[in-house]
Amino acid sequence: MTKQLPATPAPTGEEVEAAWHLYASQMMRGLKYGSGMTYAELAEAMGRKNLGTETAHQLKAKMGRGKFSFVFFLRVMNALDLPFIHIADLPQPPKRLEHNSRRLLVTFKK
């Protein structure tokens, strides 16, 4: 007789949302890093192109949280001079993410 392990509960909607916020944060910061711009230079470029008046600190905080609108994403991409992004070329989110000192196991479908 084999002993069955208890089923792992599916992640809650909040846990999945938190994992995607973390992924969005990592993706946005990676794109900024790849451009070679600092947060201060990004803030300056956004101001120069009339794309917003965020400070370097505000940009860093917003990107770090991973909670931003798609409009903000488009404004940043414009300031980074990234006219297009191939979503398929972006790194896929990791299957194991940490959030709020808890380990989450989230599987993303392709």
C-alpha atoms as a PDB file:
ATOM      1  CA  MET A   1       0.000   0.000   0.000  1.00  0.00           C
ATOM      2  CA  THR A   2       1.379   3.376  -0.992  1.00  0.00           C
ATOM      3  CA  LYS A   3       0.846   6.436   1.090  1.00  0.00           C
ATOM      4  CA  GLN A   4      -0.397   9.402  -0.910  1.00  0.00           C
ATOM      5  CA  LEU A   5       0.913  12.851  -0.156  1.00  0.00           C
ATOM      6  CA  PRO A   6      -1.673  15.550   0.470  1.00  0.00           C
ATOM      7  CA  ALA A   7      -2.473  17.589  -2.613  1.00  0.00           C
ATOM      8  CA  THR A   8      -0.775  20.963  -2.810  1.00  0.00           C
ATOM      9  CA  PRO A   9      -3.460  23.622  -2.806  1.00  0.00           C
ATOM     10  CA  ALA A  10      -3.704  25.723  -5.926  1.00  0.00           C
ATOM     11  CA  PRO A  11      -2.367  29.249  -5.495  1.00  0.00           C
ATOM     12  CA  THR A  12      -4.965  31.852  -4.656  1.00  0.00           C
ATOM     13  CA  GLY A  13      -5.779  34.683  -7.026  1.00  0.00           C
ATOM     14  CA  GLU A  14      -3.840  37.047  -4.774  1.00  0.00           C
ATOM     15  CA  GLU A  15      -0.771  34.798  -4.897  1.00  0.00           C
ATOM     16  CA  VAL A  16      -0.880  34.585  -8.679  1.00  0.00           C
ATOM     17  CA  GLU A  17      -1.352  38.367  -8.879  1.00  0.00           C
ATOM     18  CA  ALA A  18       1.632  38.927  -6.556  1.00  0.00           C
ATOM     19  CA  ALA A  19       3.772  36.624  -8.692  1.00  0.00           C
ATOM     20  CA  TRP A  20       2.867  38.551 -11.847  1.00  0.00           C
ATOM     21  CA  HIS A  21       3.618  41.891 -10.158  1.00  0.00           C
ATOM     22  CA  LEU A  22       7.059  40.524  -9.291  1.00  0.00           C
ATOM     23  CA  TYR A  23       7.540  39.388 -12.895  1.00  0.00           C
ATOM     24  CA  ALA A  24       6.440  42.794 -14.247  1.00  0.00           C
ATOM     25  CA  SER A  25       8.907  44.489 -11.909  1.00  0.00           C
ATOM     26  CA  GLN A  26      11.774  42.247 -13.002  1.00  0.00           C
ATOM     27  CA  MET A  27      10.912  42.662 -16.687  1.00  0.00           C
ATOM     28  CA  MET A  28      10.633  46.466 -16.537  1.00  0.00           C
ATOM     29  CA  ARG A  29      13.857  46.851 -14.539  1.00  0.00           C
ATOM     30  CA  GLY A  30      15.620  44.459 -16.927  1.00  0.00           C
ATOM     31  CA  LEU A  31      14.568  46.500 -19.947  1.00  0.00           C
ATOM     32  CA  LYS A  32      15.760  49.689 -18.232  1.00  0.00           C
ATOM     33  CA  TYR A  33      19.045  48.050 -17.262  1.00  0.00           C
ATOM     34  CA  GLY A  34      19.552  46.757 -20.801  1.00  0.00           C
ATOM     35  CA  SER A  35      19.148  50.279 -22.149  1.00  0.00           C
ATOM     36  CA  GLY A  36      22.033  51.494 -19.998  1.00  0.00           C
ATOM     37  CA  MET A  37      19.953  54.345 -18.541  1.00  0.00           C
ATOM     38  CA  THR A  38      19.891  55.223 -14.876  1.00  0.00           C
ATOM     39  CA  TYR A  39      16.614  56.118 -13.191  1.00  0.00           C
ATOM     40  CA  ALA A  40      17.694  59.783 -13.239  1.00  0.00           C
ATOM     41  CA  GLU A  41      18.414  59.626 -16.975  1.00  0.00           C
ATOM     42  CA  LEU A  42      15.088  57.897 -17.575  1.00  0.00           C
ATOM     43  CA  ALA A  43      13.227  60.584 -15.611  1.00  0.00           C
ATOM     44  CA  GLU A  44      15.050  63.251 -17.618  1.00  0.00           C
ATOM     45  CA  ALA A  45      14.238  61.534 -20.941  1.00  0.00           C
ATOM     46  CA  MET A  46      10.573  61.237 -19.967  1.00  0.00           C
ATOM     47  CA  GLY A  47      10.446  64.932 -19.093  1.00  0.00           C
ATOM     48  CA  ARG A  48      12.225  65.918 -22.304  1.00  0.00           C
ATOM     49  CA  LYS A  49       9.704  63.934 -24.382  1.00  0.00           C
ATOM     50  CA  ASN A  50       6.700  65.192 -22.375  1.00  0.00           C
ATOM     51  CA  LEU A  51       6.007  61.655 -21.115  1.00  0.00           C
ATOM     52  CA  GLY A  52       5.649  62.518 -17.452  1.00  0.00           C
ATOM     53  CA  THR A  53       7.227  64.330 -14.568  1.00  0.00           C
ATOM     54  CA  GLU A  54       8.188  61.403 -12.314  1.00  0.00           C
ATOM     55  CA  THR A  55      11.403  61.706 -10.371  1.00  0.00           C
ATOM     56  CA  ALA A  56      14.090  59.021 -10.401  1.00  0.00           C
ATOM     57  CA  HIS A  57      12.943  57.925  -6.934  1.00  0.00           C
ATOM     58  CA  GLN A  58       9.308  57.653  -8.055  1.00  0.00           C
ATOM     59  CA  LEU A  59      10.276  55.612 -11.123  1.00  0.00           C
ATOM     60  CA  LYS A  60      12.408  53.249  -9.044  1.00  0.00           C
ATOM     61  CA  ALA A  61       9.598  52.752  -6.518  1.00  0.00           C
ATOM     62  CA  LYS A  62       6.911  52.179  -9.166  1.00  0.00           C
ATOM     63  CA  MET A  63       9.048  49.728 -11.134  1.00  0.00           C
ATOM     64  CA  GLY A  64      10.089  47.974  -7.939  1.00  0.00           C
ATOM     65  CA  ARG A  65       6.475  47.367  -6.915  1.00  0.00           C
ATOM     66  CA  GLY A  66       5.582  46.020 -10.341  1.00  0.00           C
ATOM     67  CA  LYS A  67       2.182  47.677 -10.097  1.00  0.00           C
ATOM     68  CA  PHE A  68       1.878  50.076 -12.967  1.00  0.00           C
ATOM     69  CA  SER A  69      -0.510  50.710 -15.808  1.00  0.00           C
ATOM     70  CA  PHE A  70       0.071  49.675 -19.377  1.00  0.00           C
ATOM     71  CA  VAL A  71       0.119  53.387 -20.242  1.00  0.00           C
ATOM     72  CA  PHE A  72       3.071  53.837 -17.852  1.00  0.00           C
ATOM     73  CA  PHE A  73       4.780  50.859 -19.512  1.00  0.00           C
ATOM     74  CA  LEU A  74       4.329  52.463 -22.954  1.00  0.00           C
ATOM     75  CA  ARG A  75       5.636  55.825 -21.706  1.00  0.00           C
ATOM     76  CA  VAL A  76       8.761  54.183 -20.286  1.00  0.00           C
ATOM     77  CA  MET A  77       9.342  52.156 -23.471  1.00  0.00           C
ATOM     78  CA  ASN A  78       9.093  55.374 -25.490  1.00  0.00           C
ATOM     79  CA  ALA A  79      11.581  57.139 -23.204  1.00  0.00           C
ATOM     80  CA  LEU A  80      13.950  54.149 -23.462  1.00  0.00           C
ATOM     81  CA  ASP A  81      13.687  54.412 -27.274  1.00  0.00           C
ATOM     82  CA  LEU A  82      12.304  50.896 -27.538  1.00  0.00           C
ATOM     83  CA  PRO A  83       9.809  51.225 -30.401  1.00  0.00           C
ATOM     84  CA  PHE A  84       8.745  47.585 -30.147  1.00  0.00           C
ATOM     85  CA  ILE A  85       9.226  44.580 -27.910  1.00  0.00           C
ATOM     86  CA  HIS A  86       8.752  40.968 -28.895  1.00  0.00           C
ATOM     87  CA  ILE A  87       6.870  39.490 -25.962  1.00  0.00           C
ATOM     88  CA  ALA A  88       8.105  36.018 -26.919  1.00  0.00           C
ATOM     89  CA  ASP A  89      11.700  37.234 -26.486  1.00  0.00           C
ATOM     90  CA  LEU A  90      11.121  38.362 -22.908  1.00  0.00           C
ATOM     91  CA  PRO A  91      12.274  35.990 -20.198  1.00  0.00           C
ATOM     92  CA  GLN A  92       9.519  33.781 -18.879  1.00  0.00           C
ATOM     93  CA  PRO A  93       8.608  34.224 -15.237  1.00  0.00           C
ATOM     94  CA  PRO A  94      10.261  31.707 -12.938  1.00  0.00           C
ATOM     95  CA  LYS A  95       8.080  28.927 -11.594  1.00  0.00           C
ATOM     96  CA  ARG A  96       9.149  29.518  -8.008  1.00  0.00           C
ATOM     97  CA  LEU A  97       8.749  33.081  -6.777  1.00  0.00           C
ATOM     98  CA  GLU A  98       9.200  34.609  -3.354  1.00  0.00           C
ATOM     99  CA  HIS A  99       6.807  37.216  -2.084  1.00  0.00           C
ATOM    100  CA  ASN A 100       6.211  38.549   1.426  1.00  0.00           C
ATOM    101  CA  SER A 101       8.666  36.029   2.921  1.00  0.00           C
ATOM    102  CA  ARG A 102       6.501  33.141   1.685  1.00  0.00           C
ATOM    103  CA  ARG A 103       7.442  30.734  -1.030  1.00  0.00           C
ATOM    104  CA  LEU A 104       4.943  30.541  -3.830  1.00  0.00           C
ATOM    105  CA  LEU A 105       4.897  27.813  -6.381  1.00  0.00           C
ATOM    106  CA  VAL A 106       3.133  29.199  -9.404  1.00  0.00           C
ATOM    107  CA  THR A 107       3.056  27.461 -12.765  1.00  0.00           C
ATOM    108  CA  PHE A 108       2.532  29.704 -15.756  1.00  0.00           C
ATOM    109  CA  LYS A 109       0.959  28.162 -18.828  1.00  0.00           C
ATOM    110  CA  LYS A 110       2.489  28.895 -22.201  1.00  0.00           C
END
